[in-house]
Amino acid sequence: MPEIKRVLFDQDVIAARVEALAQRISTDYAGKELVLICILKAAAIFAADLMRRLSVSAKIEFIQAASYGMSAASSREVVIVQDLHKDIENRHILLVDTIIDTGHTLHALLGLLAERKPASMNIVVLLDKKSRRSTEVPVAYCGFEVPDEFVVGYGMDYRDQYRTLPYIAIVEPGE
């Protein structure tokens, strides 16, 4: 397992940014019921923290999409491992992910979910790795832009390790 090179964002910095995102989202969705769609597994911690800080009515659904497998590099193929259990037609949807990298996964999910005719659909990510983007995706809410390095912690993993770290750090992935 690779060692942590350095901590990018500690618990306090993450908590402050999640609070700020929740305030913006609450203002934008005032008077509306929101459905958060958490992209498993990585976004579970972020979605829970975000949802607790919202001041608007919100429900949560889960979807699991895979494009990495056990590799450190994204593939272009996106597979839906677990689909939603509820209908989202005419609902205000906020797709929640911890990080956007190439954009392939979120782009594929936007297409899939748009076919289900939500009233509105936006994306919130805690981290944006813009330097790796190969598919443009409209991100409405973003916590931090991060460098082109492999990040772990706060739900994100490397080969199913590091998810439980309360901070976000950089590791050098192995082969």
Protein backbone atom coordinates (compact mmCIF):
# COMPACT_ATOMS: atom_id res chain seq x y z
CA MET A 1 0.00 0.00 0.00
CA PRO A 2 1.47 3.39 -0.96
CA GLU A 3 2.36 5.89 1.72
CA ILE A 4 0.68 9.25 2.07
CA LYS A 5 2.84 11.96 0.47
CA ARG A 6 1.00 14.89 2.02
CA VAL A 7 -2.36 16.06 3.35
CA LEU A 8 -4.19 18.38 0.96
CA PHE A 9 -7.20 19.28 3.12
CA ASP A 10 -7.63 18.56 6.82
CA GLN A 11 -10.93 17.91 8.61
CA ASP A 12 -11.54 21.55 9.51
CA VAL A 13 -10.94 22.83 5.98
CA ILE A 14 -13.24 20.15 4.54
CA ALA A 15 -15.98 20.88 7.10
CA ALA A 16 -15.87 24.62 6.38
CA ARG A 17 -16.11 24.07 2.64
CA VAL A 18 -18.97 21.55 2.97
CA GLU A 19 -20.81 24.09 5.14
CA ALA A 20 -20.31 26.81 2.50
CA LEU A 21 -21.54 24.49 -0.28
CA ALA A 22 -24.60 23.53 1.80
CA GLN A 23 -25.47 27.19 2.34
CA ARG A 24 -25.27 27.95 -1.41
CA ILE A 25 -27.31 24.88 -2.31
CA SER A 26 -29.91 25.68 0.38
CA THR A 27 -30.29 29.20 -1.00
CA ASP A 28 -30.59 27.96 -4.59
CA TYR A 29 -33.18 25.30 -3.69
CA ALA A 30 -35.20 27.32 -1.17
CA GLY A 31 -38.85 26.23 -1.29
CA LYS A 32 -38.06 23.06 -3.26
CA GLU A 33 -37.60 19.49 -2.17
CA LEU A 34 -34.24 18.21 -3.24
CA VAL A 35 -33.18 14.65 -4.02
CA LEU A 36 -29.49 14.03 -3.51
CA ILE A 37 -28.20 11.19 -5.64
CA CYS A 38 -25.05 9.94 -3.98
CA ILE A 39 -22.58 8.18 -6.24
CA LEU A 40 -21.29 5.18 -4.30
CA LYS A 41 -18.94 4.37 -2.78
CA ALA A 42 -16.68 7.40 -2.66
CA ALA A 43 -19.34 10.10 -2.16
CA ALA A 44 -21.09 8.50 0.82
CA ILE A 45 -19.20 10.51 3.44
CA PHE A 46 -19.45 13.79 1.51
CA ALA A 47 -23.16 13.28 0.80
CA ALA A 48 -23.92 12.55 4.47
CA ASP A 49 -22.01 15.61 5.68
CA LEU A 50 -23.58 17.82 3.01
CA MET A 51 -27.12 16.59 3.66
CA ARG A 52 -26.83 17.23 7.42
CA ARG A 53 -25.90 20.85 6.72
CA LEU A 54 -28.70 21.64 4.23
CA SER A 55 -31.53 23.84 5.44
CA VAL A 56 -33.92 22.66 2.70
CA SER A 57 -35.96 19.48 2.60
CA ALA A 58 -33.86 16.72 1.07
CA LYS A 59 -34.13 13.02 0.38
CA ILE A 60 -31.27 10.77 -0.63
CA GLU A 61 -30.91 8.04 -3.24
CA PHE A 62 -27.87 6.00 -4.19
CA ILE A 63 -26.37 4.93 -7.50
CA GLN A 64 -23.15 3.07 -8.05
CA ALA A 65 -21.21 3.52 -11.24
CA ALA A 66 -17.80 2.07 -11.91
CA SER A 67 -15.10 3.25 -14.28
CA TYR A 68 -11.94 2.43 -12.31
CA GLY A 69 -12.29 -1.14 -11.04
CA MET A 70 -9.06 -1.98 -9.20
CA SER A 71 -6.98 0.34 -11.37
CA ALA A 72 -5.73 3.82 -10.56
CA ALA A 73 -6.63 5.01 -14.07
CA SER A 74 -10.17 5.65 -15.28
CA SER A 75 -11.49 3.61 -18.16
CA ARG A 76 -13.95 5.08 -20.65
CA GLU A 77 -16.50 2.36 -19.92
CA VAL A 78 -19.02 3.29 -17.23
CA VAL A 79 -21.02 0.45 -15.74
CA ILE A 80 -24.07 0.96 -13.49
CA VAL A 81 -23.50 -1.44 -10.61
CA GLN A 82 -26.51 -0.28 -8.56
CA ASP A 83 -29.34 1.81 -9.95
CA LEU A 84 -31.79 4.12 -8.17
CA HIS A 85 -34.72 2.58 -6.34
CA LYS A 86 -37.10 5.57 -6.70
CA ASP A 87 -38.56 7.46 -9.64
CA ILE A 88 -36.98 10.90 -10.16
CA GLU A 89 -39.43 12.28 -12.74
CA ASN A 90 -40.28 15.93 -11.98
CA ARG A 91 -37.91 15.95 -8.99
CA HIS A 92 -35.06 18.41 -8.34
CA ILE A 93 -31.91 16.30 -8.50
CA LEU A 94 -28.46 17.06 -7.14
CA LEU A 95 -25.89 14.49 -8.20
CA VAL A 96 -23.26 14.23 -5.43
CA ASP A 97 -19.73 13.00 -6.09
CA THR A 98 -16.53 13.52 -4.18
CA ILE A 99 -14.33 14.13 -7.23
CA ILE A 100 -14.63 14.81 -10.94
CA ASP A 101 -11.61 13.67 -12.90
CA THR A 102 -11.97 12.84 -16.61
CA GLY A 103 -15.71 13.56 -16.49
CA HIS A 104 -16.70 10.25 -18.12
CA THR A 105 -18.65 8.85 -15.16
CA LEU A 106 -20.63 12.01 -14.44
CA HIS A 107 -21.30 12.56 -18.15
CA ALA A 108 -22.68 9.02 -18.46
CA LEU A 109 -24.83 9.44 -15.34
CA LEU A 110 -26.20 12.79 -16.54
CA GLY A 111 -27.32 11.14 -19.77
CA LEU A 112 -28.91 8.21 -17.99
CA LEU A 113 -30.72 10.35 -15.44
CA ALA A 114 -31.87 12.98 -17.96
CA GLU A 115 -33.87 10.23 -19.71
CA ARG A 116 -35.89 9.92 -16.48
CA LYS A 117 -37.15 13.51 -16.85
CA PRO A 118 -36.20 15.23 -13.58
CA ALA A 119 -37.50 18.78 -13.03
CA SER A 120 -33.89 19.94 -12.71
CA MET A 121 -30.50 18.35 -12.34
CA ASN A 122 -27.22 19.76 -11.07
CA ILE A 123 -23.91 18.39 -9.85
CA VAL A 124 -21.95 19.05 -6.67
CA VAL A 125 -18.40 17.78 -6.24
CA LEU A 126 -16.02 18.39 -3.41
CA LEU A 127 -12.95 18.10 -5.64
CA ASP A 128 -12.36 19.01 -9.27
CA LYS A 129 -9.28 17.74 -11.09
CA LYS A 130 -9.75 20.01 -14.13
CA SER A 131 -6.37 19.18 -15.63
CA ARG A 132 -7.59 15.62 -16.35
CA ARG A 133 -10.94 16.55 -17.92
CA SER A 134 -11.53 14.92 -21.29
CA THR A 135 -15.34 15.14 -21.23
CA GLU A 136 -16.93 18.43 -20.28
CA VAL A 137 -19.55 18.23 -17.55
CA PRO A 138 -21.49 21.18 -16.07
CA VAL A 139 -20.57 21.27 -12.36
CA ALA A 140 -22.81 23.71 -10.49
CA TYR A 141 -21.08 23.48 -7.09
CA CYS A 142 -17.42 22.71 -6.43
CA GLY A 143 -15.44 22.69 -3.21
CA PHE A 144 -11.80 22.72 -4.33
CA GLU A 145 -9.73 22.36 -7.46
CA VAL A 146 -6.98 19.78 -6.99
CA PRO A 147 -3.74 19.01 -8.83
CA ASP A 148 -3.28 16.01 -11.11
CA GLU A 149 -2.26 13.68 -8.31
CA PHE A 150 -3.98 10.63 -6.84
CA VAL A 151 -6.10 11.67 -3.86
CA VAL A 152 -7.52 9.47 -1.11
CA GLY A 153 -9.47 9.84 2.11
CA TYR A 154 -12.90 11.24 2.98
CA GLY A 155 -14.47 8.34 1.09
CA MET A 156 -11.99 8.09 -1.78
CA ASP A 157 -9.81 5.04 -2.03
CA TYR A 158 -6.86 3.38 -3.63
CA ARG A 159 -7.57 -0.34 -4.07
CA ASP A 160 -10.26 -0.10 -1.38
CA GLN A 161 -7.88 1.41 1.18
CA TYR A 162 -7.82 4.89 2.78
CA ARG A 163 -11.61 5.56 2.53
CA THR A 164 -11.92 6.16 6.28
CA LEU A 165 -9.27 8.88 6.53
CA PRO A 166 -10.95 12.04 7.90
CA TYR A 167 -8.80 14.21 5.60
CA ILE A 168 -7.86 14.24 1.91
CA ALA A 169 -4.30 13.28 1.04
CA ILE A 170 -2.09 12.53 -1.93
CA VAL A 171 -0.58 9.09 -2.51
CA GLU A 172 1.65 7.74 -5.24
CA PRO A 173 -0.28 4.74 -6.59
CA GLY A 174 1.67 1.61 -7.48
CA GLU A 175 1.21 -0.53 -10.54
